[in-house]
PDB file of N, CA and C in Angstrom:
ATOM      1  N   MET A   1     -72.623  17.679 -43.725  1.00  0.00           N
ATOM      2  CA  MET A   1     -72.212  17.483 -45.040  1.00  0.00           C
ATOM      3  C   MET A   1     -73.271  17.337 -45.968  1.00  0.00           C
ATOM      4  N   ARG A   2     -73.174  18.459 -46.860  1.00  0.00           N
ATOM      5  CA  ARG A   2     -74.529  18.312 -47.959  1.00  0.00           C
ATOM      6  C   ARG A   2     -74.397  16.880 -49.003  1.00  0.00           C
ATOM      7  N   GLN A   3     -75.697  16.586 -49.265  1.00  0.00           N
ATOM      8  CA  GLN A   3     -75.739  15.446 -50.308  1.00  0.00           C
ATOM      9  C   GLN A   3     -76.380  15.842 -51.594  1.00  0.00           C
ATOM     10  N   GLU A   4     -75.957  15.111 -52.619  1.00  0.00           N
ATOM     11  CA  GLU A   4     -76.704  15.443 -53.875  1.00  0.00           C
ATOM     12  C   GLU A   4     -76.991  14.283 -54.476  1.00  0.00           C
ATOM     13  N   HIS A   5     -78.193  14.087 -55.060  1.00  0.00           N
ATOM     14  CA  HIS A   5     -78.605  13.004 -55.656  1.00  0.00           C
ATOM     15  C   HIS A   5     -78.994  13.029 -57.318  1.00  0.00           C
ATOM     16  N   GLY A   6     -79.341  14.301 -57.608  1.00  0.00           N
ATOM     17  CA  GLY A   6     -79.508  14.571 -58.727  1.00  0.00           C
ATOM     18  C   GLY A   6     -78.537  15.026 -59.812  1.00  0.00           C
ATOM     19  N   LYS A   7     -78.543  15.755 -61.032  1.00  0.00           N
ATOM     20  CA  LYS A   7     -77.827  16.376 -61.765  1.00  0.00           C
ATOM     21  C   LYS A   7     -77.188  17.618 -61.600  1.00  0.00           C
ATOM     22  N   ILE A   8     -75.969  17.787 -61.520  1.00  0.00           N
ATOM     23  CA  ILE A   8     -75.458  19.172 -61.389  1.00  0.00           C
ATOM     24  C   ILE A   8     -74.648  19.615 -62.877  1.00  0.00           C
ATOM     25  N   GLU A   9     -75.587  20.609 -63.575  1.00  0.00           N
ATOM     26  CA  GLU A   9     -74.936  21.102 -64.837  1.00  0.00           C
ATOM     27  C   GLU A   9     -73.851  21.974 -64.688  1.00  0.00           C
ATOM     28  N   GLY A  10     -72.631  21.809 -65.524  1.00  0.00           N
ATOM     29  CA  GLY A  10     -71.344  22.497 -65.502  1.00  0.00           C
ATOM     30  C   GLY A  10     -70.271  22.574 -64.658  1.00  0.00           C
ATOM     31  N   ASN A  11     -69.642  23.428 -64.786  1.00  0.00           N
ATOM     32  CA  ASN A  11     -68.174  22.984 -63.875  1.00  0.00           C
ATOM     33  C   ASN A  11     -68.674  23.324 -62.403  1.00  0.00           C
ATOM     34  N   VAL A  12     -68.098  22.710 -61.475  1.00  0.00           N
ATOM     35  CA  VAL A  12     -68.233  22.871 -59.662  1.00  0.00           C
ATOM     36  C   VAL A  12     -66.809  23.031 -59.285  1.00  0.00           C
ATOM     37  N   THR A  13     -66.722  24.024 -58.521  1.00  0.00           N
ATOM     38  CA  THR A  13     -65.589  24.168 -57.557  1.00  0.00           C
ATOM     39  C   THR A  13     -66.082  24.037 -56.158  1.00  0.00           C
ATOM     40  N   LEU A  14     -65.338  23.041 -55.196  1.00  0.00           N
ATOM     41  CA  LEU A  14     -66.061  22.746 -54.015  1.00  0.00           C
ATOM     42  C   LEU A  14     -65.113  23.287 -52.929  1.00  0.00           C
ATOM     43  N   THR A  15     -65.266  24.042 -51.983  1.00  0.00           N
ATOM     44  CA  THR A  15     -64.747  24.426 -50.623  1.00  0.00           C
ATOM     45  C   THR A  15     -65.348  24.063 -49.534  1.00  0.00           C
ATOM     46  N   ASP A  16     -66.294  23.281 -49.714  1.00  0.00           N
ATOM     47  CA  ASP A  16     -67.045  22.788 -48.524  1.00  0.00           C
ATOM     48  C   ASP A  16     -67.139  21.135 -48.770  1.00  0.00           C
ATOM     49  N   GLU A  17     -68.090  20.536 -47.896  1.00  0.00           N
ATOM     50  CA  GLU A  17     -68.024  19.057 -48.128  1.00  0.00           C
ATOM     51  C   GLU A  17     -69.520  18.665 -48.958  1.00  0.00           C
ATOM     52  N   LEU A  18     -69.186  17.730 -49.966  1.00  0.00           N
ATOM     53  CA  LEU A  18     -69.968  17.383 -50.617  1.00  0.00           C
ATOM     54  C   LEU A  18     -70.271  15.658 -50.664  1.00  0.00           C
ATOM     55  N   VAL A  19     -71.438  15.158 -50.738  1.00  0.00           N
ATOM     56  CA  VAL A  19     -71.314  13.458 -51.154  1.00  0.00           C
ATOM     57  C   VAL A  19     -72.299  13.611 -52.400  1.00  0.00           C
ATOM     58  N   LEU A  20     -71.667  12.988 -53.554  1.00  0.00           N
ATOM     59  CA  LEU A  20     -72.380  12.999 -54.679  1.00  0.00           C
ATOM     60  C   LEU A  20     -72.851  11.603 -55.200  1.00  0.00           C
ATOM     61  N   TYR A  21     -74.110  11.514 -55.168  1.00  0.00           N
ATOM     62  CA  TYR A  21     -74.687  10.351 -55.541  1.00  0.00           C
ATOM     63  C   TYR A  21     -75.099  10.554 -57.006  1.00  0.00           C
ATOM     64  N   GLY A  22     -75.385  11.400 -57.626  1.00  0.00           N
ATOM     65  CA  GLY A  22     -75.664  11.927 -58.897  1.00  0.00           C
ATOM     66  C   GLY A  22     -74.769  11.938 -59.798  1.00  0.00           C
ATOM     67  N   MET A  23     -74.694  13.103 -60.800  1.00  0.00           N
ATOM     68  CA  MET A  23     -73.990  13.168 -61.710  1.00  0.00           C
ATOM     69  C   MET A  23     -73.423  14.506 -61.745  1.00  0.00           C
ATOM     70  N   CYS A  24     -72.259  15.117 -62.223  1.00  0.00           N
ATOM     71  CA  CYS A  24     -71.798  16.217 -62.520  1.00  0.00           C
ATOM     72  C   CYS A  24     -71.433  16.455 -63.984  1.00  0.00           C
ATOM     73  N   ALA A  25     -72.292  17.067 -64.670  1.00  0.00           N
ATOM     74  CA  ALA A  25     -72.104  17.114 -66.267  1.00  0.00           C
ATOM     75  C   ALA A  25     -71.161  18.294 -66.382  1.00  0.00           C
ATOM     76  N   GLY A  26     -69.695  18.248 -66.217  1.00  0.00           N
ATOM     77  CA  GLY A  26     -68.726  19.135 -66.313  1.00  0.00           C
ATOM     78  C   GLY A  26     -67.279  18.624 -65.314  1.00  0.00           C
ATOM     79  N   ASN A  27     -66.505  19.802 -65.167  1.00  0.00           N
ATOM     80  CA  ASN A  27     -65.255  19.346 -64.579  1.00  0.00           C
ATOM     81  C   ASN A  27     -65.774  19.730 -63.042  1.00  0.00           C
ATOM     82  N   MET A  28     -64.846  18.925 -62.242  1.00  0.00           N
ATOM     83  CA  MET A  28     -64.992  19.202 -60.920  1.00  0.00           C
ATOM     84  C   MET A  28     -63.711  19.536 -60.008  1.00  0.00           C
ATOM     85  N   THR A  29     -63.221  20.644 -59.394  1.00  0.00           N
ATOM     86  CA  THR A  29     -62.276  20.946 -58.737  1.00  0.00           C
ATOM     87  C   THR A  29     -62.681  21.259 -57.177  1.00  0.00           C
ATOM     88  N   VAL A  30     -61.762  20.397 -56.384  1.00  0.00           N
ATOM     89  CA  VAL A  30     -61.987  20.302 -55.072  1.00  0.00           C
ATOM     90  C   VAL A  30     -60.566  21.163 -54.401  1.00  0.00           C
ATOM     91  N   ALA A  31     -61.041  22.416 -53.736  1.00  0.00           N
ATOM     92  CA  ALA A  31     -60.167  23.344 -53.531  1.00  0.00           C
ATOM     93  C   ALA A  31     -59.870  23.201 -52.178  1.00  0.00           C
ATOM     94  N   SER A  32     -58.843  24.038 -51.216  1.00  0.00           N
ATOM     95  CA  SER A  32     -58.744  23.772 -50.136  1.00  0.00           C
ATOM     96  C   SER A  32     -60.004  23.981 -49.234  1.00  0.00           C
ATOM     97  N   GLY A  33     -59.928  23.135 -48.053  1.00  0.00           N
ATOM     98  CA  GLY A  33     -61.170  22.974 -47.379  1.00  0.00           C
ATOM     99  C   GLY A  33     -62.371  22.363 -47.950  1.00  0.00           C
ATOM    100  N   GLY A  34     -62.301  21.895 -49.337  1.00  0.00           N
ATOM    101  CA  GLY A  34     -63.324  21.162 -49.882  1.00  0.00           C
ATOM    102  C   GLY A  34     -63.276  19.495 -49.557  1.00  0.00           C
ATOM    103  N   LYS A  35     -63.940  19.009 -49.430  1.00  0.00           N
ATOM    104  CA  LYS A  35     -64.154  17.394 -49.569  1.00  0.00           C
ATOM    105  C   LYS A  35     -65.115  16.918 -50.385  1.00  0.00           C
ATOM    106  N   LEU A  36     -65.026  15.883 -51.407  1.00  0.00           N
ATOM    107  CA  LEU A  36     -65.738  15.260 -52.121  1.00  0.00           C
ATOM    108  C   LEU A  36     -65.564  13.781 -52.089  1.00  0.00           C
ATOM    109  N   ILE A  37     -66.935  13.219 -51.678  1.00  0.00           N
ATOM    110  CA  ILE A  37     -67.405  11.807 -51.605  1.00  0.00           C
ATOM    111  C   ILE A  37     -68.014  11.528 -52.919  1.00  0.00           C
ATOM    112  N   LEU A  38     -67.572  10.706 -54.033  1.00  0.00           N
ATOM    113  CA  LEU A  38     -68.105  10.692 -55.284  1.00  0.00           C
ATOM    114  C   LEU A  38     -68.488   9.130 -55.314  1.00  0.00           C
ATOM    115  N   HIS A  39     -69.704   8.807 -54.967  1.00  0.00           N
ATOM    116  CA  HIS A  39     -70.506   7.891 -55.372  1.00  0.00           C
ATOM    117  C   HIS A  39     -70.810   7.746 -56.856  1.00  0.00           C
ATOM    118  N   GLY A  40     -71.221   8.870 -57.487  1.00  0.00           N
ATOM    119  CA  GLY A  40     -71.757   8.883 -58.710  1.00  0.00           C
ATOM    120  C   GLY A  40     -70.648   8.911 -59.741  1.00  0.00           C
ATOM    121  N   MET A  41     -71.129  10.082 -60.754  1.00  0.00           N
ATOM    122  CA  MET A  41     -70.282  10.344 -61.771  1.00  0.00           C
ATOM    123  C   MET A  41     -69.873  11.641 -62.075  1.00  0.00           C
ATOM    124  N   CYS A  42     -68.486  12.252 -62.479  1.00  0.00           N
ATOM    125  CA  CYS A  42     -68.133  13.205 -63.090  1.00  0.00           C
ATOM    126  C   CYS A  42     -67.870  13.048 -64.665  1.00  0.00           C
ATOM    127  N   THR A  43     -68.472  13.841 -65.446  1.00  0.00           N
ATOM    128  CA  THR A  43     -68.237  13.563 -66.879  1.00  0.00           C
ATOM    129  C   THR A  43     -67.141  14.264 -67.524  1.00  0.00           C
ATOM    130  N   GLY A  44     -66.627  15.362 -66.743  1.00  0.00           N
ATOM    131  CA  GLY A  44     -65.137  15.523 -67.260  1.00  0.00           C
ATOM    132  C   GLY A  44     -64.259  15.397 -66.259  1.00  0.00           C
ATOM    133  N   ASN A  45     -63.282  16.497 -66.119  1.00  0.00           N
ATOM    134  CA  ASN A  45     -62.108  15.918 -65.223  1.00  0.00           C
ATOM    135  C   ASN A  45     -62.187  16.408 -63.809  1.00  0.00           C
ATOM    136  N   LEU A  46     -61.628  15.885 -63.037  1.00  0.00           N
ATOM    137  CA  LEU A  46     -61.551  15.947 -61.351  1.00  0.00           C
ATOM    138  C   LEU A  46     -60.273  16.458 -60.955  1.00  0.00           C
ATOM    139  N   GLU A  47     -60.143  17.616 -60.374  1.00  0.00           N
ATOM    140  CA  GLU A  47     -58.766  18.323 -60.108  1.00  0.00           C
ATOM    141  C   GLU A  47     -59.035  18.483 -58.464  1.00  0.00           C
ATOM    142  N   ILE A  48     -57.812  18.131 -57.836  1.00  0.00           N
ATOM    143  CA  ILE A  48     -57.694  18.134 -56.326  1.00  0.00           C
ATOM    144  C   ILE A  48     -56.709  19.221 -56.112  1.00  0.00           C
ATOM    145  N   LEU A  49     -56.923  20.283 -55.658  1.00  0.00           N
ATOM    146  CA  LEU A  49     -55.892  21.626 -55.205  1.00  0.00           C
ATOM    147  C   LEU A  49     -55.216  21.267 -53.812  1.00  0.00           C
ATOM    148  N   PRO A  50     -54.295  21.879 -53.489  1.00  0.00           N
ATOM    149  CA  PRO A  50     -53.749  21.437 -52.025  1.00  0.00           C
ATOM    150  C   PRO A  50     -54.722  22.176 -50.938  1.00  0.00           C
ATOM    151  N   GLY A  51     -54.899  20.983 -50.081  1.00  0.00           N
ATOM    152  CA  GLY A  51     -56.021  21.113 -48.964  1.00  0.00           C
ATOM    153  C   GLY A  51     -57.377  20.676 -49.355  1.00  0.00           C
ATOM    154  N   GLY A  52     -57.590  19.947 -50.553  1.00  0.00           N
ATOM    155  CA  GLY A  52     -58.530  19.500 -50.945  1.00  0.00           C
ATOM    156  C   GLY A  52     -58.509  17.680 -50.609  1.00  0.00           C
ATOM    157  N   MET A  53     -59.956  17.126 -50.491  1.00  0.00           N
ATOM    158  CA  MET A  53     -59.799  15.878 -50.303  1.00  0.00           C
ATOM    159  C   MET A  53     -61.154  15.199 -51.192  1.00  0.00           C
ATOM    160  N   VAL A  54     -60.598  14.041 -51.677  1.00  0.00           N
ATOM    161  CA  VAL A  54     -61.489  13.210 -52.427  1.00  0.00           C
ATOM    162  C   VAL A  54     -61.242  11.573 -52.238  1.00  0.00           C
ATOM    163  N   ASP A  55     -62.739  11.381 -52.032  1.00  0.00           N
ATOM    164  CA  ASP A  55     -62.855   9.725 -51.918  1.00  0.00           C
ATOM    165  C   ASP A  55     -63.742   9.400 -53.124  1.00  0.00           C
ATOM    166  N   LEU A  56     -63.154   8.882 -54.111  1.00  0.00           N
ATOM    167  CA  LEU A  56     -63.580   8.754 -55.485  1.00  0.00           C
ATOM    168  C   LEU A  56     -64.160   7.052 -55.499  1.00  0.00           C
ATOM    169  N   HIS A  57     -65.363   6.708 -55.083  1.00  0.00           N
ATOM    170  CA  HIS A  57     -66.083   5.286 -55.180  1.00  0.00           C
ATOM    171  C   HIS A  57     -66.851   5.055 -56.490  1.00  0.00           C
ATOM    172  N   GLY A  58     -67.175   6.248 -57.224  1.00  0.00           N
ATOM    173  CA  GLY A  58     -67.824   6.140 -58.640  1.00  0.00           C
ATOM    174  C   GLY A  58     -66.908   6.419 -59.578  1.00  0.00           C
ATOM    175  N   LYS A  59     -67.411   6.958 -60.613  1.00  0.00           N
ATOM    176  CA  LYS A  59     -66.494   6.875 -62.033  1.00  0.00           C
ATOM    177  C   LYS A  59     -66.242   8.598 -62.390  1.00  0.00           C
ATOM    178  N   VAL A  60     -65.142   8.635 -62.988  1.00  0.00           N
ATOM    179  CA  VAL A  60     -64.747   9.876 -63.623  1.00  0.00           C
ATOM    180  C   VAL A  60     -64.424   9.642 -64.987  1.00  0.00           C
ATOM    181  N   ASN A  61     -65.025  10.312 -65.837  1.00  0.00           N
ATOM    182  CA  ASN A  61     -65.078  10.156 -67.548  1.00  0.00           C
ATOM    183  C   ASN A  61     -63.692  10.712 -67.832  1.00  0.00           C
ATOM    184  N   GLY A  62     -63.141  11.839 -67.168  1.00  0.00           N
ATOM    185  CA  GLY A  62     -62.091  12.595 -67.757  1.00  0.00           C
ATOM    186  C   GLY A  62     -61.036  11.965 -67.234  1.00  0.00           C
ATOM    187  N   ASN A  63     -59.794  12.896 -66.586  1.00  0.00           N
ATOM    188  CA  ASN A  63     -58.716  12.678 -66.046  1.00  0.00           C
ATOM    189  C   ASN A  63     -58.736  13.011 -64.409  1.00  0.00           C
ATOM    190  N   VAL A  64     -58.010  12.248 -63.597  1.00  0.00           N
ATOM    191  CA  VAL A  64     -58.064  12.819 -61.963  1.00  0.00           C
ATOM    192  C   VAL A  64     -56.669  13.186 -62.118  1.00  0.00           C
ATOM    193  N   LEU A  65     -56.511  14.744 -61.415  1.00  0.00           N
ATOM    194  CA  LEU A  65     -55.313  15.486 -61.301  1.00  0.00           C
ATOM    195  C   LEU A  65     -55.108  15.909 -59.929  1.00  0.00           C
ATOM    196  N   ASN A  66     -54.282  15.152 -59.227  1.00  0.00           N
ATOM    197  CA  ASN A  66     -54.117  15.627 -58.033  1.00  0.00           C
ATOM    198  C   ASN A  66     -52.734  16.397 -57.931  1.00  0.00           C
ATOM    199  N   LYS A  67     -53.087  17.890 -57.552  1.00  0.00           N
ATOM    200  CA  LYS A  67     -52.320  18.902 -57.726  1.00  0.00           C
ATOM    201  C   LYS A  67     -51.598  19.389 -56.147  1.00  0.00           C
ATOM    202  N   GLY A  68     -52.059  18.492 -55.034  1.00  0.00           N
ATOM    203  CA  GLY A  68     -51.658  18.890 -54.005  1.00  0.00           C
ATOM    204  C   GLY A  68     -52.666  18.422 -52.835  1.00  0.00           C
ATOM    205  N   GLY A  69     -53.577  17.783 -52.975  1.00  0.00           N
ATOM    206  CA  GLY A  69     -54.604  17.325 -51.986  1.00  0.00           C
ATOM    207  C   GLY A  69     -54.250  15.705 -51.560  1.00  0.00           C
ATOM    208  N   THR A  70     -55.567  15.166 -51.005  1.00  0.00           N
ATOM    209  CA  THR A  70     -55.432  13.870 -50.638  1.00  0.00           C
ATOM    210  C   THR A  70     -56.487  13.008 -51.599  1.00  0.00           C
ATOM    211  N   ALA A  71     -56.062  12.056 -52.348  1.00  0.00           N
ATOM    212  CA  ALA A  71     -57.108  11.497 -53.272  1.00  0.00           C
ATOM    213  C   ALA A  71     -56.981   9.742 -52.786  1.00  0.00           C
ATOM    214  N   ASN A  72     -58.312   9.619 -52.718  1.00  0.00           N
ATOM    215  CA  ASN A  72     -58.216   7.869 -52.372  1.00  0.00           C
ATOM    216  C   ASN A  72     -59.339   7.495 -53.340  1.00  0.00           C
ATOM    217  N   ILE A  73     -58.498   6.819 -54.296  1.00  0.00           N
ATOM    218  CA  ILE A  73     -59.414   6.056 -55.443  1.00  0.00           C
ATOM    219  C   ILE A  73     -59.943   4.669 -55.154  1.00  0.00           C
ATOM    220  N   PHE A  74     -61.153   4.402 -55.343  1.00  0.00           N
ATOM    221  CA  PHE A  74     -61.572   3.036 -55.206  1.00  0.00           C
ATOM    222  C   PHE A  74     -62.392   2.822 -56.367  1.00  0.00           C
ATOM    223  N   GLY A  75     -62.839   3.574 -57.265  1.00  0.00           N
ATOM    224  CA  GLY A  75     -63.839   3.326 -58.231  1.00  0.00           C
ATOM    225  C   GLY A  75     -62.991   3.390 -59.756  1.00  0.00           C
ATOM    226  N   MET A  76     -63.338   3.998 -60.663  1.00  0.00           N
ATOM    227  CA  MET A  76     -63.147   4.153 -62.132  1.00  0.00           C
ATOM    228  C   MET A  76     -62.622   5.289 -62.620  1.00  0.00           C
ATOM    229  N   VAL A  77     -61.631   5.478 -63.428  1.00  0.00           N
ATOM    230  CA  VAL A  77     -61.155   6.695 -64.041  1.00  0.00           C
ATOM    231  C   VAL A  77     -60.981   6.223 -65.538  1.00  0.00           C
ATOM    232  N   ASN A  78     -61.854   6.755 -66.226  1.00  0.00           N
ATOM    233  CA  ASN A  78     -61.660   6.583 -67.764  1.00  0.00           C
ATOM    234  C   ASN A  78     -60.506   7.196 -68.379  1.00  0.00           C
ATOM    235  N   GLY A  79     -59.919   8.288 -67.912  1.00  0.00           N
ATOM    236  CA  GLY A  79     -58.742   8.940 -68.544  1.00  0.00           C
ATOM    237  C   GLY A  79     -57.732   8.800 -67.654  1.00  0.00           C
ATOM    238  N   ASN A  80     -56.878   9.680 -67.626  1.00  0.00           N
ATOM    239  CA  ASN A  80     -55.661   9.209 -66.805  1.00  0.00           C
ATOM    240  C   ASN A  80     -55.551   9.713 -65.312  1.00  0.00           C
ATOM    241  N   LEU A  81     -54.546   9.264 -64.625  1.00  0.00           N
ATOM    242  CA  LEU A  81     -54.638   9.483 -63.212  1.00  0.00           C
ATOM    243  C   LEU A  81     -53.202  10.266 -62.857  1.00  0.00           C
ATOM    244  N   HIS A  82     -53.017  11.384 -62.806  1.00  0.00           N
ATOM    245  CA  HIS A  82     -51.934  12.312 -62.860  1.00  0.00           C
ATOM    246  C   HIS A  82     -51.862  12.503 -60.935  1.00  0.00           C
ATOM    247  N   GLN A  83     -50.869  12.119 -60.492  1.00  0.00           N
ATOM    248  CA  GLN A  83     -50.254  12.660 -59.068  1.00  0.00           C
ATOM    249  C   GLN A  83     -49.270  13.842 -59.213  1.00  0.00           C
ATOM    250  N   MET A  84     -49.350  14.945 -59.253  1.00  0.00           N
ATOM    251  CA  MET A  84     -48.651  16.136 -59.683  1.00  0.00           C
ATOM    252  C   MET A  84     -47.762  16.385 -58.130  1.00  0.00           C
ATOM    253  N   ALA A  85     -48.667  16.318 -56.984  1.00  0.00           N
ATOM    254  CA  ALA A  85     -48.179  16.630 -55.817  1.00  0.00           C
ATOM    255  C   ALA A  85     -49.422  15.950 -55.020  1.00  0.00           C
ATOM    256  N   GLY A  86     -49.061  16.033 -53.349  1.00  0.00           N
ATOM    257  CA  GLY A  86     -50.088  15.545 -52.600  1.00  0.00           C
ATOM    258  C   GLY A  86     -50.315  13.838 -52.442  1.00  0.00           C
ATOM    259  N   THR A  87     -51.053  13.452 -51.951  1.00  0.00           N
ATOM    260  CA  THR A  87     -51.083  11.884 -51.559  1.00  0.00           C
ATOM    261  C   THR A  87     -52.117  11.388 -52.450  1.00  0.00           C
ATOM    262  N   THR A  88     -51.964  10.183 -53.207  1.00  0.00           N
ATOM    263  CA  THR A  88     -52.883   9.612 -54.095  1.00  0.00           C
ATOM    264  C   THR A  88     -52.683   7.928 -53.621  1.00  0.00           C
ATOM    265  N   ASN A  89     -53.962   7.475 -52.967  1.00  0.00           N
ATOM    266  CA  ASN A  89     -54.071   6.149 -52.510  1.00  0.00           C
ATOM    267  C   ASN A  89     -54.936   5.494 -53.789  1.00  0.00           C
ATOM    268  N   VAL A  90     -54.394   4.481 -54.408  1.00  0.00           N
ATOM    269  CA  VAL A  90     -55.372   3.905 -55.291  1.00  0.00           C
ATOM    270  C   VAL A  90     -55.745   2.451 -54.613  1.00  0.00           C
ATOM    271  N   ASP A  91     -56.873   2.066 -54.513  1.00  0.00           N
ATOM    272  CA  ASP A  91     -57.182   0.441 -53.978  1.00  0.00           C
ATOM    273  C   ASP A  91     -56.540  -0.313 -55.184  1.00  0.00           C
ATOM    274  N   SER A  92     -56.622  -1.500 -54.661  1.00  0.00           N
ATOM    275  CA  SER A  92     -56.321  -2.756 -55.701  1.00  0.00           C
ATOM    276  C   SER A  92     -57.593  -2.972 -56.546  1.00  0.00           C
ATOM    277  N   GLY A  93     -58.778  -2.694 -56.349  1.00  0.00           N
ATOM    278  CA  GLY A  93     -59.861  -3.028 -57.331  1.00  0.00           C
ATOM    279  C   GLY A  93     -60.199  -1.731 -58.173  1.00  0.00           C
ATOM    280  N   THR A  94     -59.528  -0.651 -58.001  1.00  0.00           N
ATOM    281  CA  THR A  94     -59.767   0.543 -58.903  1.00  0.00           C
ATOM    282  C   THR A  94     -59.474   0.189 -60.488  1.00  0.00           C
ATOM    283  N   VAL A  95     -60.054   0.592 -61.272  1.00  0.00           N
ATOM    284  CA  VAL A  95     -59.980   0.711 -62.819  1.00  0.00           C
ATOM    285  C   VAL A  95     -59.722   1.978 -63.249  1.00  0.00           C
ATOM    286  N   ILE A  96     -58.506   2.016 -64.003  1.00  0.00           N
ATOM    287  CA  ILE A  96     -57.903   2.873 -64.716  1.00  0.00           C
ATOM    288  C   ILE A  96     -57.730   2.716 -66.160  1.00  0.00           C
ATOM    289  N   HIS A  97     -58.497   3.443 -67.085  1.00  0.00           N
ATOM    290  CA  HIS A  97     -58.626   3.167 -68.436  1.00  0.00           C
ATOM    291  C   HIS A  97     -57.328   3.695 -69.083  1.00  0.00           C
ATOM    292  N   GLY A  98     -56.996   4.950 -68.561  1.00  0.00           N
ATOM    293  CA  GLY A  98     -55.756   5.610 -69.065  1.00  0.00           C
ATOM    294  C   GLY A  98     -54.279   5.135 -68.407  1.00  0.00           C
ATOM    295  N   ARG A  99     -53.506   6.111 -68.349  1.00  0.00           N
ATOM    296  CA  ARG A  99     -52.229   5.563 -67.693  1.00  0.00           C
ATOM    297  C   ARG A  99     -52.275   6.386 -66.265  1.00  0.00           C
ATOM    298  N   ARG A 100     -51.470   5.817 -65.149  1.00  0.00           N
ATOM    299  CA  ARG A 100     -51.156   6.450 -64.223  1.00  0.00           C
ATOM    300  C   ARG A 100     -49.773   7.242 -64.100  1.00  0.00           C
ATOM    301  N   ALA A 101     -49.798   8.472 -64.170  1.00  0.00           N
ATOM    302  CA  ALA A 101     -48.489   9.012 -64.264  1.00  0.00           C
ATOM    303  C   ALA A 101     -48.258  10.092 -62.616  1.00  0.00           C
ATOM    304  N   THR A 102     -47.058  10.052 -62.239  1.00  0.00           N
ATOM    305  CA  THR A 102     -46.695  10.674 -61.222  1.00  0.00           C
ATOM    306  C   THR A 102     -45.640  11.561 -61.374  1.00  0.00           C
TER     307      THR A 102
END
């Protein structure tokens, strides 16, 4: 599993495994076969596609859009949390500043 501690500029699409302690300055998409463990921050939206998996311990400034993957939310979402498909687990300590839509 790859680990990043610095800043990633621009949008990212993951089809592999990444642990991010730093920041992604853009949108992140986790596609089939991709796994993201986010301890840092995503400044844009976080999209989870079918077959993708996310453990969010850090912060997403935009929206989290689960379109068919697995999302485990422990951290903070400044936008909305949308579960369009897939599985979304939200910890009791999670902070969502927008609304939660299913």
